C-alpha cells in the first residue's frame, strides 16, 4: 500500500511538472507571436525544457506567469545564441 502511495505521488509530481512546462511553452509562444509548435521545437533544439524549465521547476513555479515567461524567453535567447556560437 505504501509503495502505491509513493508511486502515485511521484506520478502526480511528474504530471505537475509537465503541465507547468506546457504552460511555459504556451506563454512564451504567445509573447513572441509564434505557434506553440514552433516554440516547442526551438526549446527542444537547445534543451531548454529539460535543462531549464524542469530543472528549475521548484523556483520557477512559485513566480508569476509574466516573470516565468520573461525568464524562459531570456534563457531561450541566450541558449540559442550559445548554440549558434554567438556567445
Protein backbone atom coordinates (compact mmCIF):
# COMPACT_ATOMS: atom_id res chain seq x y z
CA UNK A 1 0.00 0.00 0.00
CA UNK A 2 2.77 2.46 0.90
CA UNK A 3 4.54 1.73 -2.37
CA UNK A 4 1.39 2.52 -4.34
CA UNK A 5 1.02 5.84 -2.49
CA UNK A 6 4.64 6.79 -3.26
CA UNK A 7 4.16 5.82 -6.90
CA UNK A 8 1.01 7.93 -7.15
CA UNK A 9 2.75 10.92 -5.60
CA UNK A 10 5.69 10.57 -7.97
CA UNK A 11 3.31 10.37 -10.94
CA UNK A 12 1.45 13.47 -9.72
CA UNK A 13 4.75 15.37 -9.38
CA UNK A 14 5.76 14.41 -12.94
CA UNK A 15 2.35 15.42 -14.26
CA UNK A 16 2.51 18.79 -12.45
CA UNK A 17 5.94 19.47 -13.91
CA UNK A 18 4.82 18.59 -17.43
CA UNK A 19 1.73 20.78 -17.13
CA UNK A 20 3.96 23.61 -15.95
CA UNK A 21 6.39 23.07 -18.85
CA UNK A 22 3.49 23.07 -21.29
CA UNK A 23 2.19 26.36 -19.89
CA UNK A 24 5.69 27.83 -20.24
CA UNK A 25 5.79 26.85 -23.92
CA UNK A 26 2.32 28.30 -24.50
CA UNK A 27 3.06 31.57 -22.69
CA UNK A 28 6.37 32.05 -24.46
CA UNK A 29 4.77 31.35 -27.84
CA UNK A 30 2.01 33.84 -27.16
CA UNK A 31 4.52 36.51 -26.04
CA UNK A 32 6.62 36.03 -29.21
CA UNK A 33 3.62 35.69 -31.54
CA UNK A 34 4.63 32.24 -32.80
CA UNK A 35 2.86 28.89 -32.75
CA UNK A 36 3.25 26.63 -29.75
CA UNK A 37 4.73 24.03 -32.09
CA UNK A 38 7.45 26.42 -33.25
CA UNK A 39 8.23 27.48 -29.68
CA UNK A 40 8.37 23.86 -28.52
CA UNK A 41 10.78 22.98 -31.35
CA UNK A 42 13.04 25.93 -30.51
CA UNK A 43 13.13 24.99 -26.83
CA UNK A 44 13.67 21.32 -27.63
CA UNK A 45 16.52 22.12 -30.03
CA UNK A 46 18.55 23.77 -27.26
CA UNK A 47 17.39 21.52 -24.40
CA UNK A 48 15.58 24.30 -22.56
CA UNK A 49 12.63 22.26 -21.34
CA UNK A 50 14.70 19.64 -19.53
CA UNK A 51 17.73 21.82 -18.82
CA UNK A 52 15.98 24.92 -17.52
CA UNK A 53 12.20 24.69 -17.11
CA UNK A 54 12.05 21.26 -15.46
CA UNK A 55 15.42 21.57 -13.75
CA UNK A 56 14.43 24.90 -12.16
CA UNK A 57 10.79 23.96 -11.58
CA UNK A 58 10.93 24.37 -7.80
CA UNK A 59 11.93 28.02 -8.09
CA UNK A 60 10.11 28.92 -11.27
CA UNK A 61 6.65 27.62 -10.41
CA UNK A 62 6.43 29.95 -7.41
CA UNK A 63 6.77 33.04 -9.62
CA UNK A 64 4.14 34.92 -11.60
CA UNK A 65 3.39 33.75 -15.13
CA UNK A 66 4.78 37.01 -16.52
CA UNK A 67 8.04 36.63 -14.61
CA UNK A 68 8.42 32.98 -15.64
CA UNK A 69 7.71 33.84 -19.27
CA UNK A 70 10.37 36.57 -19.25
CA UNK A 71 12.89 34.22 -17.60
CA UNK A 72 12.16 31.43 -20.07
CA UNK A 73 12.42 33.73 -23.09
CA UNK A 74 15.63 35.28 -21.77
CA UNK A 75 17.13 31.84 -21.27
CA UNK A 76 15.94 30.76 -24.73
CA UNK A 77 17.63 33.75 -26.37
CA UNK A 78 20.90 33.04 -24.55
CA UNK A 79 20.82 29.28 -25.19
CA UNK A 80 20.07 29.77 -28.88
CA UNK A 81 22.88 32.33 -29.20
CA UNK A 82 25.30 29.93 -27.48
CA UNK A 83 24.27 27.09 -29.77
CA UNK A 84 24.81 29.35 -32.78
CA UNK A 85 28.27 30.27 -31.46
CA UNK A 86 27.33 33.90 -30.93
CA UNK A 87 28.25 33.90 -27.22
